[in-house]
Each structure stands twice: as structure tokens, then as C-alpha cells.
Amino acid sequence: MAKARAIAKRRKAVSNIKKITHTMQLIATARYQKAYKSAVATQPYTKKITELVGDLSSAGEEITHPLLSANEGAGRTAHLVITSNRGLCGGYNASILRAAMAHEQRVVSGESPCDLYAVGIKGISYYAFLKREITHAFRDMSDMPTFPEIEPIAADFMARFTNGEYESIHVTYMRFHSISRQTPETIQLLPISQKDSQDDTPAGDADQPQATQSAQYDFSPEPEVLLAALLPATVKVRLFQCFTDATVSEQMARMVAMKAATDAARDMIKMLGRSYNRARQSQITMELLDIMGGAEAVN
């Protein structure tokens, strides 16, 4: 049996760890609330602009736009992977990277080269470990990206796509459905299809019933003119929604992981307390036996 002093030191160390994990849980909770409010605030705009783009794209078969048609002869695709800058968030990054690797395997099986764009230190480090070439690594992205940070990324993707550099562009991220459900997902950012516009559901709204009928519009100016203005905005909003979903999911995962670590530390402290009491009682018994043995020897 371990000595009481060693158990006491270990119990103190676990107690200090418990304080740290509990503090990190509180911080993650505060950041989650802020990120969730930001994601919810973008819901009405994201939902309506995607619905409007879907209605415009289905207004007539003759409507065409560079962001709506795939570049069949490009022969290359782009893949943006969104991970976190920090760890201690359970299996958050591992789930995203598994989904990203599965997507790349499907692309490779189709014999289409894929350029990799990585966001987050964890994802960049993972691909560096695999010696996977990264076309561009976004290392300076903040923990809670803002729209001005995302807009240049979306603009660069649109420019490369319209120039015929990529056949399609995909994004892998952690989609936030609700507090109890977050799933890794790969979406097609470009080209925009009517199905993508109709299926996009803002964060936290996936479990709510969707309307089966869409509104009827009288377009002025013509749908082609409106699409020219709305499609770039739609790409930027959809990419920003991916980042906000990823941020909310990351903080939620970290909050759950730190709560589990705090509960485990609390249980370990109780177990070590019982072990300490047994060790201390055994030590006291041995001291009493030594005293009684010495007294018998004197007599």
C-alpha cells in the first residue's frame, strides 16, 4: 500500500488539475454563449438569401452564371478543412479530420487532384505529420472569426473558380445542429446548385420543420442581374456560416470535455481520500504496535 504522504501529494495534484479544468469549463461556456449568439444572429439573413438564390436559379432554364456551372475541364478540386487552434476539446478535431480524409479518398479515387487549404493549428500540424502538401495554411485566424476575416477567403475561392482553376470547391467542418448534436460534414461551396440553396439550414435550426412552400416573387431587375449580385454574397455567407458553426461546435466540445475531466478528477479525489484514510490508519496501527512491542521489551 502506498504511503499516506505520497497519496496526499497525489490528491493535491489532482485537486489542482480539477480547479484548472473547472475554470476552462467556465471559460468554454462563456465563449459558447457568445459564439452561439453570433451564429443565431446570422440565421435569418443566411436562410433568406439562400432561398432567394434558389428561387432565382429556378426562374428559368436559360439563366447561367460562372458560379452555378462546374468547370469540367479544370481537372482539379479544392478542399478547405476547418479545425481548431487549441486542443482539449475531446474528439472534435479527430472527427473533422476523419471526414476530410474520407472526402479526399473519394476525390483521389476519381483521379482528380485536390489542393488542400487548412484552417487551424491542429489541422495544419496533422497534415504536416502526414507530410501532406498544403496549398495554403491559415495560421492567423482568430478563435472567433469575423465576417471581414472570411470575406477575402471566399473572394479568393470565387476568383480561382471563375478563372477555371478548380472544378469544384468543398469545405469540411463541424456542423452545429443543436446543443446535443454536432456532426462533421463536407459541403460543396462552389459551384452553387439549386439543391444546395434549398438544403442549407442555419445553425441550431436543423431540427425544426421547414416550410414546404416557397414565396412567389416578381423580379425587378431581371433574375440574371440579381444573381450577379446575390451569388457572391451567398458564397461569402455560406462560408461564414461554416466558420460560425465550427466555432460553436468547438466551444461546445471543449465545454463537454472539461466537464468530463472535472467530474473524473472529483471522483479520483474521493478515491484517493479513501486510500489516504486506509493508509493513514494502517500507519497509525503500525506505530501503536511498535510502541507496544517496545514496552513489552522493556518489561
Protein backbone atom coordinates (compact mmCIF):
# COMPACT_ATOMS: atom_id res chain seq x y z
CA MET A 1 0.00 0.00 0.00
CA ALA A 2 1.28 3.46 -0.88
CA LYS A 3 2.39 5.73 1.93
CA ALA A 4 -0.03 8.33 3.20
CA ARG A 5 2.31 11.20 2.30
CA ALA A 6 2.54 10.10 -1.36
CA ILE A 7 -1.24 9.73 -1.57
CA ALA A 8 -1.70 13.19 -0.06
CA LYS A 9 0.63 14.72 -2.67
CA ARG A 10 -1.20 12.99 -5.48
CA ARG A 11 -4.58 14.10 -4.12
CA LYS A 12 -3.34 17.69 -4.00
CA ALA A 13 -2.11 17.47 -7.61
CA VAL A 14 -5.45 16.09 -8.79
CA SER A 15 -7.24 18.83 -6.87
CA ASN A 16 -5.18 21.48 -8.68
CA ILE A 17 -6.00 19.84 -12.02
CA LYS A 18 -9.69 19.86 -11.09
CA LYS A 19 -9.53 23.60 -10.46
CA ILE A 20 -7.94 24.15 -13.87
CA THR A 21 -10.42 22.01 -15.78
CA HIS A 22 -13.35 23.62 -13.99
CA THR A 23 -12.06 27.08 -14.88
CA MET A 24 -11.60 26.03 -18.51
CA GLN A 25 -15.16 24.67 -18.49
CA LEU A 26 -16.49 28.04 -17.33
CA ILE A 27 -14.45 29.86 -19.98
CA ALA A 28 -15.68 27.50 -22.71
CA THR A 29 -19.26 28.03 -21.53
CA ALA A 30 -18.91 31.82 -21.79
CA ARG A 31 -17.33 31.56 -25.24
CA TYR A 32 -20.00 29.13 -26.34
CA GLN A 33 -22.75 31.56 -25.40
CA LYS A 34 -21.04 34.33 -27.38
CA ALA A 35 -20.45 32.11 -30.41
CA TYR A 36 -23.99 30.74 -30.30
CA LYS A 37 -25.48 34.23 -30.28
CA SER A 38 -23.32 35.16 -33.26
CA ALA A 39 -24.41 32.05 -35.18
CA VAL A 40 -28.08 32.58 -34.38
CA ALA A 41 -27.86 36.23 -35.43
CA THR A 42 -26.88 35.19 -38.97
CA GLN A 43 -29.77 32.71 -39.33
CA PRO A 44 -32.43 34.98 -40.89
CA TYR A 45 -30.06 36.50 -43.45
CA THR A 46 -28.46 33.18 -44.39
CA LYS A 47 -31.83 31.45 -44.71
CA LYS A 48 -33.49 34.14 -46.81
CA ILE A 49 -30.60 34.76 -49.16
CA THR A 50 -30.23 31.05 -49.90
CA GLU A 51 -33.98 30.76 -50.51
CA LEU A 52 -33.88 33.74 -52.85
CA VAL A 53 -30.93 32.32 -54.79
CA GLY A 54 -32.79 29.04 -55.14
CA ASP A 55 -35.87 30.81 -56.50
CA LEU A 56 -33.78 32.88 -58.89
CA SER A 57 -31.81 29.91 -60.20
CA SER A 58 -35.06 28.04 -60.91
CA ALA A 59 -36.77 31.04 -62.54
CA GLY A 60 -35.67 29.94 -66.00
CA GLU A 61 -33.54 27.31 -67.62
CA GLU A 62 -31.70 29.92 -69.69
CA ILE A 63 -30.18 31.58 -66.59
CA THR A 64 -26.44 30.96 -66.40
CA HIS A 65 -23.67 32.26 -64.15
CA PRO A 66 -20.00 31.22 -63.67
CA LEU A 67 -20.65 30.31 -60.02
CA LEU A 68 -23.53 27.97 -60.97
CA SER A 69 -21.72 25.77 -63.51
CA ALA A 70 -18.87 23.35 -62.84
CA ASN A 71 -15.57 23.71 -64.67
CA GLU A 72 -15.49 20.26 -66.20
CA GLY A 73 -12.13 20.74 -67.87
CA ALA A 74 -10.29 22.09 -64.83
CA GLY A 75 -9.22 18.67 -63.59
CA ARG A 76 -8.51 19.91 -60.06
CA THR A 77 -10.58 20.46 -56.94
CA ALA A 78 -10.03 22.47 -53.76
CA HIS A 79 -10.72 21.34 -50.21
CA LEU A 80 -10.92 23.65 -47.17
CA VAL A 81 -10.62 21.91 -43.78
CA ILE A 82 -11.65 23.92 -40.69
CA THR A 83 -10.13 22.76 -37.38
CA SER A 84 -9.34 24.47 -34.08
CA ASN A 85 -6.23 26.29 -32.90
CA ARG A 86 -6.35 24.67 -29.46
CA GLY A 87 -6.89 21.19 -28.12
CA LEU A 88 -8.66 19.87 -25.00
CA CYS A 89 -11.92 19.57 -26.93
CA GLY A 90 -12.38 15.80 -27.00
CA GLY A 91 -12.72 14.18 -30.41
CA TYR A 92 -13.65 17.42 -32.18
CA ASN A 93 -10.60 17.70 -34.44
CA ALA A 94 -10.30 13.93 -34.95
CA SER A 95 -13.87 13.73 -36.27
CA ILE A 96 -13.29 16.59 -38.71
CA LEU A 97 -10.02 15.15 -39.98
CA ARG A 98 -11.58 11.71 -40.49
CA ALA A 99 -14.35 13.28 -42.57
CA ALA A 100 -11.77 15.29 -44.52
CA MET A 101 -9.64 12.22 -45.24
CA ALA A 102 -12.73 10.29 -46.36
CA HIS A 103 -13.61 13.08 -48.78
CA GLU A 104 -10.07 13.20 -50.17
CA GLN A 105 -10.10 9.44 -50.69
CA ARG A 106 -13.26 9.79 -52.75
CA VAL A 107 -11.64 12.57 -54.78
CA VAL A 108 -8.44 10.58 -55.31
CA SER A 109 -10.46 7.54 -56.33
CA GLY A 110 -11.95 9.77 -59.03
CA GLU A 111 -8.42 10.63 -60.23
CA SER A 112 -8.94 14.35 -59.62
CA PRO A 113 -6.03 16.16 -57.90
CA CYS A 114 -7.07 18.05 -54.78
CA ASP A 115 -5.49 21.24 -53.42
CA LEU A 116 -5.68 21.40 -49.64
CA TYR A 117 -6.46 24.55 -47.65
CA ALA A 118 -6.20 24.14 -43.87
CA VAL A 119 -7.57 26.38 -41.11
CA GLY A 120 -6.44 25.84 -37.52
CA ILE A 121 -3.15 24.80 -35.99
CA LYS A 122 -4.41 21.30 -35.17
CA GLY A 123 -5.29 20.52 -38.77
CA ILE A 124 -2.09 22.07 -40.11
CA SER A 125 0.01 20.02 -37.68
CA TYR A 126 -1.85 16.84 -38.61
CA TYR A 127 -1.23 17.26 -42.32
CA ALA A 128 2.39 18.23 -41.65
CA PHE A 129 2.78 14.97 -39.74
CA LEU A 130 1.37 13.08 -42.73
CA LYS A 131 3.72 15.08 -44.99
CA ARG A 132 0.69 16.18 -46.97
CA GLU A 133 1.31 19.25 -49.09
CA ILE A 134 -0.87 22.20 -48.08
CA THR A 135 -1.65 24.78 -50.75
CA HIS A 136 -2.33 27.45 -48.14
CA ALA A 137 -2.40 27.29 -44.33
CA PHE A 138 -4.43 29.90 -42.45
CA ARG A 139 -2.42 30.21 -39.23
CA ASP A 140 -3.53 33.67 -38.11
CA MET A 141 -7.26 33.00 -37.93
CA SER A 142 -8.81 34.15 -34.65
CA ASP A 143 -10.69 31.80 -32.34
CA MET A 144 -13.96 33.51 -33.27
CA PRO A 145 -13.59 34.59 -36.93
CA THR A 146 -15.50 37.64 -38.09
CA PHE A 147 -17.04 38.27 -41.49
CA PRO A 148 -14.20 40.63 -42.59
CA GLU A 149 -11.77 37.75 -41.97
CA ILE A 150 -13.81 35.27 -44.01
CA GLU A 151 -14.71 37.56 -46.91
CA PRO A 152 -11.20 37.58 -48.51
CA ILE A 153 -11.06 33.77 -48.36
CA ALA A 154 -14.41 33.46 -50.12
CA ALA A 155 -13.41 36.10 -52.68
CA ASP A 156 -10.19 34.25 -53.46
CA PHE A 157 -12.06 30.96 -53.93
CA MET A 158 -14.58 32.63 -56.24
CA ALA A 159 -11.81 34.21 -58.30
CA ARG A 160 -9.97 30.90 -58.68
CA PHE A 161 -13.19 29.10 -59.57
CA THR A 162 -14.34 31.62 -62.18
CA ASN A 163 -10.85 31.59 -63.72
CA GLY A 164 -11.26 27.87 -64.34
CA GLU A 165 -8.59 26.79 -61.87
CA TYR A 166 -10.86 24.42 -59.91
CA GLU A 167 -13.65 22.11 -60.96
CA SER A 168 -15.29 22.34 -57.54
CA ILE A 169 -14.54 23.61 -54.03
CA HIS A 170 -15.57 21.76 -50.87
CA VAL A 171 -15.48 22.64 -47.17
CA THR A 172 -15.19 20.18 -44.28
CA TYR A 173 -16.23 21.48 -40.87
CA MET A 174 -18.21 20.57 -37.76
CA ARG A 175 -21.85 21.43 -38.35
CA PHE A 176 -23.81 22.56 -35.31
CA HIS A 177 -27.35 21.20 -35.23
CA SER A 178 -28.19 21.59 -31.55
CA ILE A 179 -26.58 21.51 -28.12
CA SER A 180 -26.65 17.71 -28.13
CA ARG A 181 -25.77 17.14 -31.79
CA GLN A 182 -22.78 18.25 -33.87
CA THR A 183 -21.66 16.29 -36.91
CA PRO A 184 -18.65 16.59 -39.24
CA GLU A 185 -19.82 17.50 -42.70
CA THR A 186 -18.38 18.21 -46.15
CA ILE A 187 -20.36 20.63 -48.31
CA GLN A 188 -19.84 21.85 -51.85
CA LEU A 189 -19.18 25.56 -51.71
CA LEU A 190 -18.74 26.00 -55.47
CA PRO A 191 -20.40 25.58 -57.86
CA ILE A 192 -23.67 26.59 -56.22
CA SER A 193 -26.55 24.31 -57.08
CA GLN A 194 -30.25 24.80 -56.51
CA LYS A 195 -30.31 21.79 -54.19
CA ASP A 196 -27.54 23.29 -52.04
CA SER A 197 -29.50 26.50 -51.69
CA GLN A 198 -32.65 24.69 -50.64
CA ASP A 199 -30.94 22.24 -48.28
CA ASP A 200 -28.84 24.77 -46.37
CA THR A 201 -30.13 25.08 -42.81
CA PRO A 202 -28.68 27.67 -40.43
CA ALA A 203 -27.03 26.66 -37.18
CA GLY A 204 -29.39 25.48 -34.46
CA ASP A 205 -32.34 25.31 -36.88
CA ALA A 206 -31.81 21.85 -38.40
CA ASP A 207 -34.31 20.05 -36.16
CA GLN A 208 -37.15 22.49 -36.82
CA PRO A 209 -39.75 21.69 -39.51
CA GLN A 210 -39.12 23.52 -42.76
CA ALA A 211 -41.76 25.20 -44.86
CA THR A 212 -42.87 23.15 -47.84
CA GLN A 213 -43.97 26.14 -49.95
CA SER A 214 -41.75 28.96 -51.15
CA ALA A 215 -42.79 32.56 -51.73
CA GLN A 216 -43.54 33.84 -55.23
CA TYR A 217 -41.51 36.82 -56.42
CA ASP A 218 -41.81 39.45 -59.14
CA PHE A 219 -38.21 40.10 -60.11
CA SER A 220 -37.02 43.60 -60.90
CA PRO A 221 -34.41 43.82 -62.34
CA GLU A 222 -34.15 40.53 -64.21
CA PRO A 223 -33.02 37.34 -62.40
CA GLU A 224 -29.65 37.39 -64.23
CA VAL A 225 -28.85 40.82 -62.81
CA LEU A 226 -29.93 39.82 -59.32
CA LEU A 227 -27.90 36.61 -59.45
CA ALA A 228 -24.79 38.55 -60.40
CA ALA A 229 -25.11 40.48 -57.14
CA LEU A 230 -26.52 37.75 -54.87
CA LEU A 231 -24.36 34.75 -55.76
CA PRO A 232 -21.05 36.23 -54.48
CA ALA A 233 -22.83 37.32 -51.31
CA THR A 234 -24.29 33.83 -50.92
CA VAL A 235 -20.86 32.18 -51.16
CA LYS A 236 -19.46 34.54 -48.53
CA VAL A 237 -22.41 33.99 -46.20
CA ARG A 238 -22.31 30.19 -46.57
CA LEU A 239 -18.57 30.11 -45.83
CA PHE A 240 -19.04 32.42 -42.84
CA GLN A 241 -21.81 30.11 -41.60
CA CYS A 242 -19.37 27.20 -41.79
CA PHE A 243 -16.91 29.08 -39.59
CA THR A 244 -19.56 30.12 -37.07
CA ASP A 245 -20.86 26.55 -36.87
CA ALA A 246 -17.31 25.31 -36.35
CA THR A 247 -16.71 27.85 -33.58
CA VAL A 248 -19.89 26.96 -31.72
CA SER A 249 -19.20 23.23 -32.04
CA GLU A 250 -15.61 23.65 -30.84
CA GLN A 251 -16.64 25.51 -27.69
CA MET A 252 -19.41 23.00 -27.05
CA ALA A 253 -16.97 20.10 -27.41
CA ARG A 254 -14.46 21.78 -25.11
CA MET A 255 -17.15 22.51 -22.53
CA VAL A 256 -18.25 18.86 -22.50
CA ALA A 257 -14.66 17.58 -22.39
CA MET A 258 -13.70 19.85 -19.49
CA LYS A 259 -16.84 18.90 -17.57
CA ALA A 260 -15.98 15.22 -18.02
CA ALA A 261 -12.41 15.89 -16.87
CA THR A 262 -13.67 17.81 -13.82
CA ASP A 263 -16.07 15.00 -12.87
CA ALA A 264 -13.30 12.41 -13.30
CA ALA A 265 -10.97 14.48 -11.11
CA ARG A 266 -13.67 14.78 -8.45
CA ASP A 267 -14.17 11.00 -8.43
CA MET A 268 -10.42 10.44 -8.24
CA ILE A 269 -10.14 12.82 -5.28
CA LYS A 270 -12.79 10.78 -3.44
CA MET A 271 -10.98 7.54 -4.22
CA LEU A 272 -7.63 8.97 -3.13
CA GLY A 273 -9.25 10.27 0.05
CA ARG A 274 -10.39 6.77 0.96
CA SER A 275 -6.97 5.36 0.10
CA TYR A 276 -5.33 8.04 2.24
CA ASN A 277 -7.56 7.19 5.21
CA ARG A 278 -6.74 3.49 4.90
CA ALA A 279 -3.02 4.20 4.55
CA ARG A 280 -3.07 6.59 7.50
CA GLN A 281 -4.98 4.10 9.66
CA SER A 282 -2.51 1.37 8.75
CA GLN A 283 0.37 3.66 9.60
CA ILE A 284 -1.13 4.52 12.97
CA THR A 285 -1.71 0.83 13.72
CA MET A 286 1.90 0.01 12.88
CA GLU A 287 3.13 2.83 15.15
CA LEU A 288 0.97 1.56 18.01
CA LEU A 289 2.29 -1.96 17.52
CA ASP A 290 5.86 -0.63 17.62
CA ILE A 291 5.13 1.23 20.84
CA MET A 292 3.51 -1.81 22.44
CA GLY A 293 6.39 -4.02 21.31
CA GLY A 294 8.92 -1.65 22.80
CA ALA A 295 7.02 -1.51 26.08
CA GLU A 296 6.92 -5.31 26.27
CA ALA A 297 10.66 -5.45 25.60
CA VAL A 298 11.38 -3.01 28.47
CA ASN A 299 9.27 -5.02 30.87
